[in-house]
Structures are given as C-alpha cells and as structure tokens.
C-alpha atoms as a PDB file:
ATOM      1  CA  MET A   1      -2.138 -19.856  10.925  1.00  0.00           C
ATOM      2  CA  GLY A   2      -2.779 -19.234   7.288  1.00  0.00           C
ATOM      3  CA  ARG A   3       0.105 -19.838   4.907  1.00  0.00           C
ATOM      4  CA  VAL A   4       1.402 -17.485   2.229  1.00  0.00           C
ATOM      5  CA  THR A   5       1.130 -20.258  -0.346  1.00  0.00           C
ATOM      6  CA  GLU A   6      -0.829 -23.473  -0.555  1.00  0.00           C
ATOM      7  CA  ARG A   7      -0.798 -26.461  -2.910  1.00  0.00           C
ATOM      8  CA  ARG A   8      -3.735 -27.564  -4.996  1.00  0.00           C
ATOM      9  CA  ARG A   9      -4.320 -30.257  -7.601  1.00  0.00           C
ATOM     10  CA  VAL A  10      -4.633 -28.892 -11.138  1.00  0.00           C
ATOM     11  CA  ILE A  11      -5.184 -30.532 -14.505  1.00  0.00           C
ATOM     12  CA  ARG A  12      -2.845 -29.219 -17.076  1.00  0.00           C
ATOM     13  CA  ILE A  13      -3.533 -29.203 -20.874  1.00  0.00           C
ATOM     14  CA  ARG A  14      -0.562 -28.500 -23.023  1.00  0.00           C
ATOM     15  CA  ASP A  15      -0.783 -28.888 -26.766  1.00  0.00           C
ATOM     16  CA  GLY A  16      -3.496 -31.573 -26.365  1.00  0.00           C
ATOM     17  CA  ALA A  17      -1.639 -33.535 -23.724  1.00  0.00           C
ATOM     18  CA  VAL A  18      -3.476 -33.877 -20.306  1.00  0.00           C
ATOM     19  CA  SER A  19      -1.634 -34.287 -17.017  1.00  0.00           C
ATOM     20  CA  THR A  20      -2.322 -33.917 -13.248  1.00  0.00           C
ATOM     21  CA  ARG A  21       0.117 -32.155 -11.032  1.00  0.00           C
ATOM     22  CA  PRO A  22       0.174 -30.015  -7.744  1.00  0.00           C
ATOM     23  CA  ASP A  23       0.230 -26.239  -8.287  1.00  0.00           C
ATOM     24  CA  THR A  24       1.346 -23.466  -5.903  1.00  0.00           C
ATOM     25  CA  LEU A  25      -1.290 -20.867  -5.226  1.00  0.00           C
ATOM     26  CA  VAL A  26      -1.059 -17.672  -3.234  1.00  0.00           C
ATOM     27  CA  GLY A  27      -3.005 -17.832   0.100  1.00  0.00           C
ATOM     28  CA  GLU A  28      -6.065 -15.667   0.540  1.00  0.00           C
ATOM     29  CA  GLU A  29      -7.976 -15.365   3.867  1.00  0.00           C
ATOM     30  CA  PRO A  30     -10.137 -12.666   5.532  1.00  0.00           C
ATOM     31  CA  LEU A  31      -8.548 -10.512   8.194  1.00  0.00           C
ATOM     32  CA  GLU A  32     -10.794  -8.578  10.554  1.00  0.00           C
ATOM     33  CA  ILE A  33      -9.338  -5.487  12.139  1.00  0.00           C
ATOM     34  CA  ARG A  34     -10.666  -4.444  15.485  1.00  0.00           C
ATOM     35  CA  LEU A  35      -9.981  -1.186  17.333  1.00  0.00           C
ATOM     36  CA  GLY A  36     -10.150  -1.417  21.071  1.00  0.00           C
ATOM     37  CA  GLY A  37     -12.076  -4.636  20.823  1.00  0.00           C
ATOM     38  CA  ARG A  38     -14.695  -3.335  18.348  1.00  0.00           C
ATOM     39  CA  PRO A  39     -14.925  -4.382  14.731  1.00  0.00           C
ATOM     40  CA  LEU A  40     -13.532  -1.838  12.257  1.00  0.00           C
ATOM     41  CA  ALA A  41     -12.936  -3.467   8.891  1.00  0.00           C
ATOM     42  CA  VAL A  42     -12.432  -6.760   7.044  1.00  0.00           C
ATOM     43  CA  THR A  43     -10.053  -7.228   4.159  1.00  0.00           C
ATOM     44  CA  MET A  44      -9.141 -10.216   2.094  1.00  0.00           C
ATOM     45  CA  ARG A  45      -5.386 -10.606   2.421  1.00  0.00           C
ATOM     46  CA  THR A  46      -2.388 -12.884   1.973  1.00  0.00           C
ATOM     47  CA  PRO A  47      -1.523 -14.032   5.639  1.00  0.00           C
ATOM     48  CA  GLY A  48       1.669 -12.481   6.902  1.00  0.00           C
ATOM     49  CA  ASP A  49       2.649  -8.955   8.180  1.00  0.00           C
ATOM     50  CA  ASP A  50      -0.847  -8.765   9.587  1.00  0.00           C
ATOM     51  CA  PHE A  51       0.095  -6.427  12.414  1.00  0.00           C
ATOM     52  CA  ALA A  52       1.773  -4.127   9.921  1.00  0.00           C
ATOM     53  CA  LEU A  53      -1.261  -4.268   7.651  1.00  0.00           C
ATOM     54  CA  ALA A  54      -3.499  -3.220  10.597  1.00  0.00           C
ATOM     55  CA  ALA A  55      -1.189  -0.344  11.608  1.00  0.00           C
ATOM     56  CA  GLY A  56      -0.848   0.854   7.996  1.00  0.00           C
ATOM     57  CA  PHE A  57      -4.628   0.740   7.549  1.00  0.00           C
ATOM     58  CA  LEU A  58      -4.908   3.005  10.585  1.00  0.00           C
ATOM     59  CA  VAL A  59      -2.329   5.427   9.140  1.00  0.00           C
ATOM     60  CA  SER A  60      -4.418   5.770   6.041  1.00  0.00           C
ATOM     61  CA  GLU A  61      -7.494   6.372   8.275  1.00  0.00           C
ATOM     62  CA  GLY A  62      -5.737   9.191  10.017  1.00  0.00           C
ATOM     63  CA  VAL A  63      -5.799   7.408  13.314  1.00  0.00           C
ATOM     64  CA  LEU A  64      -2.089   6.722  13.785  1.00  0.00           C
ATOM     65  CA  GLY A  65       0.899   8.734  12.773  1.00  0.00           C
ATOM     66  CA  SER A  66       3.777   7.554  15.034  1.00  0.00           C
ATOM     67  CA  ALA A  67       4.862   4.364  16.758  1.00  0.00           C
ATOM     68  CA  GLY A  68       4.180   5.981  20.134  1.00  0.00           C
ATOM     69  CA  GLU A  69       0.496   6.211  19.373  1.00  0.00           C
ATOM     70  CA  LEU A  70       0.334   2.421  18.940  1.00  0.00           C
ATOM     71  CA  ALA A  71       0.107   0.476  22.122  1.00  0.00           C
ATOM     72  CA  ASN A  72      -0.231  -3.060  20.922  1.00  0.00           C
ATOM     73  CA  VAL A  73      -1.592  -5.376  18.209  1.00  0.00           C
ATOM     74  CA  VAL A  74      -2.532  -8.924  19.099  1.00  0.00           C
ATOM     75  CA  TYR A  75      -4.419 -11.872  17.428  1.00  0.00           C
ATOM     76  CA  CYS A  76      -7.795 -12.518  18.976  1.00  0.00           C
ATOM     77  CA  ALA A  77      -8.153 -15.926  20.574  1.00  0.00           C
ATOM     78  CA  GLY A  78     -11.627 -17.308  20.704  1.00  0.00           C
ATOM     79  CA  ALA A  79     -12.631 -15.764  17.437  1.00  0.00           C
ATOM     80  CA  THR A  80     -14.546 -18.931  16.495  1.00  0.00           C
ATOM     81  CA  GLU A  81     -17.422 -20.898  18.179  1.00  0.00           C
ATOM     82  CA  ASP A  82     -15.021 -23.527  19.431  1.00  0.00           C
ATOM     83  CA  GLY A  83     -12.726 -20.888  20.865  1.00  0.00           C
ATOM     84  CA  SER A  84      -9.748 -21.574  18.597  1.00  0.00           C
ATOM     85  CA  ASN A  85      -7.494 -18.828  17.148  1.00  0.00           C
ATOM     86  CA  THR A  86      -7.817 -18.526  13.445  1.00  0.00           C
ATOM     87  CA  TYR A  87      -5.079 -15.844  13.257  1.00  0.00           C
ATOM     88  CA  ASN A  88      -7.610 -13.998  11.030  1.00  0.00           C
ATOM     89  CA  VAL A  89      -8.731 -11.403  13.657  1.00  0.00           C
ATOM     90  CA  VAL A  90      -6.402  -8.688  15.098  1.00  0.00           C
ATOM     91  CA  ASP A  91      -7.153  -6.144  17.752  1.00  0.00           C
ATOM     92  CA  VAL A  92      -5.349  -2.770  17.774  1.00  0.00           C
ATOM     93  CA  GLN A  93      -4.896  -1.011  21.058  1.00  0.00           C
ATOM     94  CA  LEU A  94      -4.122   2.746  20.925  1.00  0.00           C
ATOM     95  CA  ALA A  95      -1.771   4.397  23.427  1.00  0.00           C
ATOM     96  CA  PRO A  96      -3.477   6.345  26.240  1.00  0.00           C
ATOM     97  CA  GLY A  97      -4.633   9.752  25.014  1.00  0.00           C
ATOM     98  CA  VAL A  98      -4.884   8.888  21.350  1.00  0.00           C
ATOM     99  CA  PRO A  99      -8.392   9.720  20.135  1.00  0.00           C
ATOM    100  CA  VAL A 100     -10.439   6.611  19.118  1.00  0.00           C
ATOM    101  CA  PRO A 101     -12.532   7.214  16.065  1.00  0.00           C
ATOM    102  CA  ASP A 102     -16.159   6.387  15.828  1.00  0.00           C
ATOM    103  CA  VAL A 103     -16.287   2.783  14.486  1.00  0.00           C
ATOM    104  CA  SER A 104     -20.118   2.595  14.223  1.00  0.00           C
ATOM    105  CA  LEU A 105     -21.756   1.534  11.002  1.00  0.00           C
ATOM    106  CA  GLU A 106     -22.572   5.219  10.409  1.00  0.00           C
ATOM    107  CA  ARG A 107     -18.963   6.351  10.535  1.00  0.00           C
ATOM    108  CA  ASN A 108     -17.699   8.489   7.662  1.00  0.00           C
ATOM    109  CA  VAL A 109     -14.539   6.544   6.683  1.00  0.00           C
ATOM    110  CA  TYR A 110     -13.299   7.769   3.339  1.00  0.00           C
ATOM    111  CA  THR A 111     -10.643   5.093   2.948  1.00  0.00           C
ATOM    112  CA  SER A 112     -13.170   2.267   2.412  1.00  0.00           C
ATOM    113  CA  SER A 113     -14.292   1.636  -1.116  1.00  0.00           C
ATOM    114  CA  SER A 114     -17.790   1.064   0.190  1.00  0.00           C
ATOM    115  CA  CYS A 115     -18.132   4.236   2.247  1.00  0.00           C
ATOM    116  CA  GLY A 116     -20.163   6.036  -0.375  1.00  0.00           C
ATOM    117  CA  VAL A 117     -17.957   9.169  -0.207  1.00  0.00           C
ATOM    118  CA  CYS A 118     -16.383  10.280  -3.383  1.00  0.00           C
ATOM    119  CA  GLY A 119     -15.265  13.227  -5.487  1.00  0.00           C
ATOM    120  CA  LYS A 120     -14.580  16.490  -3.742  1.00  0.00           C
ATOM    121  CA  ALA A 121     -15.577  15.170  -0.249  1.00  0.00           C
ATOM    122  CA  SER A 122     -12.760  12.509  -0.560  1.00  0.00           C
ATOM    123  CA  LEU A 123     -10.185  15.094  -1.683  1.00  0.00           C
ATOM    124  CA  ASP A 124     -11.090  17.430   1.142  1.00  0.00           C
ATOM    125  CA  ALA A 125     -10.916  14.598   3.673  1.00  0.00           C
ATOM    126  CA  VAL A 126      -7.386  13.609   2.802  1.00  0.00           C
ATOM    127  CA  ARG A 127      -6.074  17.138   2.505  1.00  0.00           C
ATOM    128  CA  THR A 128      -7.515  18.109   5.820  1.00  0.00           C
ATOM    129  CA  THR A 129      -6.554  14.895   7.677  1.00  0.00           C
ATOM    130  CA  THR A 130      -2.972  14.297   6.533  1.00  0.00           C
ATOM    131  CA  ARG A 131      -0.374  15.206   9.204  1.00  0.00           C
ATOM    132  CA  TRP A 132       2.451  15.818   6.755  1.00  0.00           C
ATOM    133  CA  PRO A 133       1.703  18.188   3.710  1.00  0.00           C
ATOM    134  CA  LEU A 134       3.898  17.432   0.805  1.00  0.00           C
ATOM    135  CA  ASP A 135       6.406  20.181   0.048  1.00  0.00           C
ATOM    136  CA  PRO A 136       8.184  20.572  -3.270  1.00  0.00           C
ATOM    137  CA  PRO A 137      11.885  19.685  -3.431  1.00  0.00           C
ATOM    138  CA  ALA A 138      14.272  22.292  -1.903  1.00  0.00           C
ATOM    139  CA  ASP A 139      16.557  22.300  -4.832  1.00  0.00           C
ATOM    140  CA  ALA A 140      17.238  20.679  -8.158  1.00  0.00           C
ATOM    141  CA  ALA A 141      19.586  18.149  -6.578  1.00  0.00           C
ATOM    142  CA  ALA A 142      16.651  16.576  -4.715  1.00  0.00           C
ATOM    143  CA  ARG A 143      14.784  15.733  -7.852  1.00  0.00           C
ATOM    144  CA  ILE A 144      14.334  12.168  -9.099  1.00  0.00           C
ATOM    145  CA  THR A 145      15.861  11.375 -12.438  1.00  0.00           C
ATOM    146  CA  PRO A 146      13.820   9.548 -15.102  1.00  0.00           C
ATOM    147  CA  GLY A 147      16.562   6.996 -15.191  1.00  0.00           C
ATOM    148  CA  THR A 148      16.081   6.230 -11.493  1.00  0.00           C
ATOM    149  CA  LEU A 149      12.310   5.803 -12.015  1.00  0.00           C
ATOM    150  CA  ALA A 150      12.969   3.547 -15.027  1.00  0.00           C
ATOM    151  CA  ASP A 151      14.862   1.107 -12.787  1.00  0.00           C
ATOM    152  CA  LEU A 152      12.227   0.682 -10.208  1.00  0.00           C
ATOM    153  CA  PRO A 153       9.875  -1.768 -11.923  1.00  0.00           C
ATOM    154  CA  GLY A 154      12.682  -4.183 -12.445  1.00  0.00           C
ATOM    155  CA  ARG A 155      13.976  -3.840  -8.886  1.00  0.00           C
ATOM    156  CA  LEU A 156      10.438  -4.360  -7.625  1.00  0.00           C
ATOM    157  CA  ARG A 157       9.929  -7.514  -9.735  1.00  0.00           C
ATOM    158  CA  ALA A 158      13.238  -8.995  -8.718  1.00  0.00           C
ATOM    159  CA  ALA A 159      12.204  -8.601  -4.986  1.00  0.00           C
ATOM    160  CA  GLN A 160       8.873 -10.402  -5.482  1.00  0.00           C
ATOM    161  CA  ARG A 161       9.772 -13.796  -4.093  1.00  0.00           C
ATOM    162  CA  VAL A 162       6.311 -15.192  -3.677  1.00  0.00           C
ATOM    163  CA  PHE A 163       5.207 -13.997  -7.147  1.00  0.00           C
ATOM    164  CA  ASP A 164       7.856 -16.189  -8.702  1.00  0.00           C
ATOM    165  CA  ARG A 165       6.182 -19.244  -7.186  1.00  0.00           C
ATOM    166  CA  THR A 166       2.578 -18.263  -7.718  1.00  0.00           C
ATOM    167  CA  GLY A 167       2.245 -15.535 -10.353  1.00  0.00           C
ATOM    168  CA  GLY A 168      -0.711 -14.228  -8.360  1.00  0.00           C
ATOM    169  CA  LEU A 169       0.425 -11.360  -6.112  1.00  0.00           C
ATOM    170  CA  HIS A 170       0.576  -7.592  -6.142  1.00  0.00           C
ATOM    171  CA  ALA A 171       3.515  -5.815  -4.591  1.00  0.00           C
ATOM    172  CA  ALA A 172       4.474  -2.448  -3.142  1.00  0.00           C
ATOM    173  CA  ALA A 173       7.945  -1.274  -2.629  1.00  0.00           C
ATOM    174  CA  LEU A 174       9.521   1.716  -1.022  1.00  0.00           C
ATOM    175  CA  PHE A 175      12.622   3.204  -2.536  1.00  0.00           C
ATOM    176  CA  ASP A 176      14.855   6.229  -1.585  1.00  0.00           C
ATOM    177  CA  SER A 177      15.235   9.027  -4.018  1.00  0.00           C
ATOM    178  CA  ASP A 178      18.323   7.318  -5.423  1.00  0.00           C
ATOM    179  CA  GLY A 179      16.368   4.132  -6.210  1.00  0.00           C
ATOM    180  CA  GLU A 180      17.678   2.027  -3.356  1.00  0.00           C
ATOM    181  CA  LEU A 181      15.145  -0.567  -2.126  1.00  0.00           C
ATOM    182  CA  LEU A 182      14.071   0.183   1.469  1.00  0.00           C
ATOM    183  CA  ASP A 183      11.222  -2.396   1.898  1.00  0.00           C
ATOM    184  CA  VAL A 184       8.825  -4.602  -0.241  1.00  0.00           C
ATOM    185  CA  ARG A 185       5.651  -6.407   0.648  1.00  0.00           C
ATOM    186  CA  GLU A 186       3.377  -8.695  -1.363  1.00  0.00           C
ATOM    187  CA  ASP A 187      -0.269  -9.406  -1.089  1.00  0.00           C
ATOM    188  CA  VAL A 188      -3.304 -10.469  -3.112  1.00  0.00           C
ATOM    189  CA  GLY A 189      -4.544  -6.838  -2.713  1.00  0.00           C
ATOM    190  CA  ARG A 190      -2.592  -3.776  -3.877  1.00  0.00           C
ATOM    191  CA  HIS A 191      -4.047  -1.782  -0.937  1.00  0.00           C
ATOM    192  CA  ASN A 192      -2.866  -4.378   1.586  1.00  0.00           C
ATOM    193  CA  ALA A 193       0.661  -4.456   0.118  1.00  0.00           C
ATOM    194  CA  VAL A 194       0.861  -0.659   0.603  1.00  0.00           C
ATOM    195  CA  ASP A 195      -0.635  -0.849   4.108  1.00  0.00           C
ATOM    196  CA  LYS A 196       1.981  -3.468   5.017  1.00  0.00           C
ATOM    197  CA  VAL A 197       4.826  -1.220   3.900  1.00  0.00           C
ATOM    198  CA  VAL A 198       3.455   1.819   5.615  1.00  0.00           C
ATOM    199  CA  GLY A 199       2.616  -0.136   8.814  1.00  0.00           C
ATOM    200  CA  ARG A 200       6.215  -1.480   9.022  1.00  0.00           C
ATOM    201  CA  ALA A 201       7.480   2.093   8.632  1.00  0.00           C
ATOM    202  CA  LEU A 202       5.209   3.300  11.476  1.00  0.00           C
ATOM    203  CA  GLN A 203       6.254   0.384  13.709  1.00  0.00           C
ATOM    204  CA  GLU A 204       9.893   1.363  13.091  1.00  0.00           C
ATOM    205  CA  GLY A 205       9.301   5.071  13.782  1.00  0.00           C
ATOM    206  CA  ARG A 206      10.060   6.130  10.244  1.00  0.00           C
ATOM    207  CA  LEU A 207       6.983   8.238   9.396  1.00  0.00           C
ATOM    208  CA  PRO A 208       6.651  10.489   7.596  1.00  0.00           C
ATOM    209  CA  LEU A 209       8.345   8.794   4.590  1.00  0.00           C
ATOM    210  CA  ARG A 210       9.917  11.936   3.127  1.00  0.00           C
ATOM    211  CA  ASP A 211      12.384  11.635   0.223  1.00  0.00           C
ATOM    212  CA  THR A 212      10.875   8.235  -0.882  1.00  0.00           C
ATOM    213  CA  VAL A 213       9.078   6.696  -3.853  1.00  0.00           C
ATOM    214  CA  LEU A 214       6.319   4.209  -3.591  1.00  0.00           C
ATOM    215  CA  MET A 215       6.288   1.748  -6.487  1.00  0.00           C
ATOM    216  CA  VAL A 216       3.208  -0.390  -7.018  1.00  0.00           C
ATOM    217  CA  SER A 217       2.288  -3.209  -9.404  1.00  0.00           C
ATOM    218  CA  GLY A 218      -0.846  -2.653 -11.357  1.00  0.00           C
ATOM    219  CA  ARG A 219      -2.737   0.657 -11.566  1.00  0.00           C
ATOM    220  CA  ALA A 220      -2.729   3.703  -9.339  1.00  0.00           C
ATOM    221  CA  SER A 221      -6.120   4.085  -7.731  1.00  0.00           C
ATOM    222  CA  PHE A 222      -7.466   6.913  -5.634  1.00  0.00           C
ATOM    223  CA  GLU A 223      -6.883   4.745  -2.530  1.00  0.00           C
ATOM    224  CA  LEU A 224      -3.329   4.114  -3.253  1.00  0.00           C
ATOM    225  CA  VAL A 225      -2.629   7.831  -3.859  1.00  0.00           C
ATOM    226  CA  GLN A 226      -4.386   8.490  -0.548  1.00  0.00           C
ATOM    227  CA  LYS A 227      -2.325   6.009   1.410  1.00  0.00           C
ATOM    228  CA  ALA A 228       0.848   7.623  -0.029  1.00  0.00           C
ATOM    229  CA  VAL A 229      -0.255  11.081   1.045  1.00  0.00           C
ATOM    230  CA  MET A 230      -1.269  10.003   4.482  1.00  0.00           C
ATOM    231  CA  ALA A 231       2.163   8.438   4.979  1.00  0.00           C
ATOM    232  CA  GLY A 232       4.012  11.480   3.865  1.00  0.00           C
ATOM    233  CA  ILE A 233       5.383   9.772   0.728  1.00  0.00           C
ATOM    234  CA  PRO A 234       6.005  12.476  -1.962  1.00  0.00           C
ATOM    235  CA  ALA A 235       6.060  10.222  -5.061  1.00  0.00           C
ATOM    236  CA  LEU A 236       4.037   7.264  -6.346  1.00  0.00           C
ATOM    237  CA  ALA A 237       4.819   5.258  -9.469  1.00  0.00           C
ATOM    238  CA  ALA A 238       2.788   2.498 -11.084  1.00  0.00           C
ATOM    239  CA  VAL A 239       3.308   0.217 -14.054  1.00  0.00           C
ATOM    240  CA  SER A 240      -0.268   0.865 -15.233  1.00  0.00           C
ATOM    241  CA  ALA A 241      -2.753   3.688 -15.432  1.00  0.00           C
ATOM    242  CA  PRO A 242      -4.094   5.979 -12.664  1.00  0.00           C
ATOM    243  CA  SER A 243      -7.702   6.777 -12.323  1.00  0.00           C
ATOM    244  CA  SER A 244      -9.032  10.330 -12.836  1.00  0.00           C
ATOM    245  CA  LEU A 245      -9.736  10.780  -9.065  1.00  0.00           C
ATOM    246  CA  ALA A 246      -6.259   9.538  -8.292  1.00  0.00           C
ATOM    247  CA  VAL A 247      -4.831  12.263 -10.581  1.00  0.00           C
ATOM    248  CA  ASP A 248      -7.111  14.894  -8.959  1.00  0.00           C
ATOM    249  CA  LEU A 249      -5.900  13.839  -5.424  1.00  0.00           C
ATOM    250  CA  ALA A 250      -2.252  13.962  -6.536  1.00  0.00           C
ATOM    251  CA  VAL A 251      -2.587  17.464  -7.928  1.00  0.00           C
ATOM    252  CA  GLU A 252      -4.605  18.595  -4.850  1.00  0.00           C
ATOM    253  CA  SER A 253      -2.001  17.198  -2.428  1.00  0.00           C
ATOM    254  CA  GLY A 254       1.150  17.935  -4.295  1.00  0.00           C
ATOM    255  CA  LEU A 255       2.090  14.305  -4.877  1.00  0.00           C
ATOM    256  CA  THR A 256       4.211  13.220  -7.831  1.00  0.00           C
ATOM    257  CA  LEU A 257       2.280  10.617  -9.760  1.00  0.00           C
ATOM    258  CA  VAL A 258       3.836   8.545 -12.496  1.00  0.00           C
ATOM    259  CA  GLY A 259       1.956   5.882 -14.496  1.00  0.00           C
ATOM    260  CA  PHE A 260       2.652   3.489 -17.322  1.00  0.00           C
ATOM    261  CA  LEU A 261       6.214   3.109 -15.964  1.00  0.00           C
ATOM    262  CA  ARG A 262       7.680   0.581 -18.347  1.00  0.00           C
ATOM    263  CA  GLY A 263      11.255   0.543 -19.333  1.00  0.00           C
ATOM    264  CA  THR A 264      12.292   4.162 -20.209  1.00  0.00           C
ATOM    265  CA  SER A 265       8.696   5.179 -20.937  1.00  0.00           C
ATOM    266  CA  MET A 266       6.431   6.824 -18.392  1.00  0.00           C
ATOM    267  CA  ASN A 267       3.637   9.305 -17.965  1.00  0.00           C
ATOM    268  CA  VAL A 268       3.871  12.106 -15.378  1.00  0.00           C
ATOM    269  CA  TYR A 269       0.361  13.020 -14.290  1.00  0.00           C
ATOM    270  CA  ALA A 270       1.161  15.407 -11.369  1.00  0.00           C
ATOM    271  CA  GLY A 271       4.044  16.763  -9.394  1.00  0.00           C
ATOM    272  CA  GLU A 272       6.570  17.102 -12.203  1.00  0.00           C
ATOM    273  CA  GLU A 273       8.581  19.460 -10.058  1.00  0.00           C
ATOM    274  CA  ARG A 274      10.074  16.505  -8.336  1.00  0.00           C
ATOM    275  CA  ILE A 275      11.355  14.986 -11.545  1.00  0.00           C
ATOM    276  CA  ALA A 276      14.563  16.081 -13.271  1.00  0.00           C
ATOM    277  CA  LEU A 277      12.936  16.508 -16.691  1.00  0.00           C
ATOM    278  CA  GLY A 278      16.107  18.014 -18.094  1.00  0.00           C
ATOM    279  CA  ALA A 279      17.877  14.653 -17.625  1.00  0.00           C
ATOM    280  CA  ALA A 280      15.229  12.960 -19.904  1.00  0.00           C
ATOM    281  CA  ALA A 281      15.638  15.737 -22.414  1.00  0.00           C
ATOM    282  CA  GLY A 282      19.278  15.321 -22.504  1.00  0.00           C
ATOM    283  CA  ARG A 283      18.919  11.669 -23.301  1.00  0.00           C
ATOM    284  CA  GLY A 284      16.617  12.400 -26.213  1.00  0.00           C
END
C-alpha cells in the first residue's frame, strides 16, 4: 500500500556548502474511484482514508447523503496485469434502492474540474441537488464570533502532523461553532482533504454537518464551496482568497464564506448574518 510519506535523496546547498541527505516527501499516488464496478473518477491523492475520500466525493456528486445509502467500499484486487492489489483502486457499492448515476463519458458531472460546465449551470446544479438548504442562524447566540474564527488557522496548523514532516500538504478541518476541532485530514489536494472530512462524517452518520465551520488551507475555490454546501456545512473559511464563482455560489446557497483569515484580519464575502459583527466592532 502507498505510504503517506516517502524518503528521497536530496542535495542541499546552504550558503555555498553542498551536502547530501535523505528528505521526507509527502506521498502522491492516483486513486481510481469505481461505482458498482464501473470507473467514475481518478484523483491524485495522498494514500490514506481512501474509503472516506470516495464516500465524500460521492456526497459532493449528490449520490450519497447518509451512511445507510452506502453498502460497502473495497479495494479492487487484480487491478494490474499481474493481478496484484495496488490499493489505488476502490469500488463503491450503493445500498439497494439508491439510484446509480450515469457514469458514462457523456455524464454531466458538475463536480469535476474537467466537466465543461461552469457559471450559472454550475450554480443551479448545486442549488437543486443539495439535500440540506442552508438556513440562517435562529438567533444571535448561534452566530460565530470573529475571535473564534481568528483562532481556527492556528488550530488547523497545530493539527497538521504530516505537514510538519514534509511541508507539502493541504489540510481541511471541521470545527463546531465554538471553535472546537471535530476532525482534520491532510492531502496533496485541497479537494481530497475536504472529501476525506466529509466522507468520514457520512460514514459516522453525522450528515448534514449543521453548526460547523470548514477551515481549509489555501484558497477557496468553487469546488470547495460546493462540497461544503452539499454536506450541509454552513460556513467555510480559508487562509487565502476565494474565486469569483466561489463567492457567487456562496451567495446563491446562503453559505458564510470567509477569506484571507490571518490573525485577527479576515474578509467576509457572503453570509455575514452568521457572524457576530458586533463583537468585532466592540474590539475596535
């Protein structure tokens, strides 16, 4: 099975001095996701939590919404010519009665970056497919304080164990509205890290993920906003910028979207009704 990290020889040059040493790198291998034995998608990922990754991917596709709809996930033996198991192919079996989507090459899958669907069509697809529309907070007490948001990047960084050894991983973490860490996953791909978090929640019967905040390293793309909405997550925070389509989808779906979350500074791009802005004003 692929490892999360691997060792490679590296030549180091420091202030003109040359030396050779082993370096720890993050593992990256392809994962093919099959649905009922038929190929569905291939992603480059860090090995580990592969079943959760596949389940989370199917949540964002609108295929799965509860643990009862997932019958089984297995590694496929005989995936190579010699019949060995590479642990790089998983097959997802849906529970009886769960509709199987079209997985032909002509399928209209809006979650894939190569699907050719963008703009209004993508926004409509997410809005009409999500099982859990995002409702505004019932009262002021349910709002997230800027102080709580400001603590999230540090807590995410402290939980990134593999990043400390490699410096080459993205991470996604799920927090409750009080800033308590619920789960964190790392991967070479931001999308995969989110899928692993969402997939684990599905396996544990915790969807929809109401009253939570998804914190991601890097930027907030359309796909990450989409994955949050499809899992019923009401708030997404990122340390970097969102894209224009990510903001459009957040506004369309009622998601709270925070970008450039660094220290006590942040930009709120959508869903400000979930943030206790008065607390920030009081600090100023």
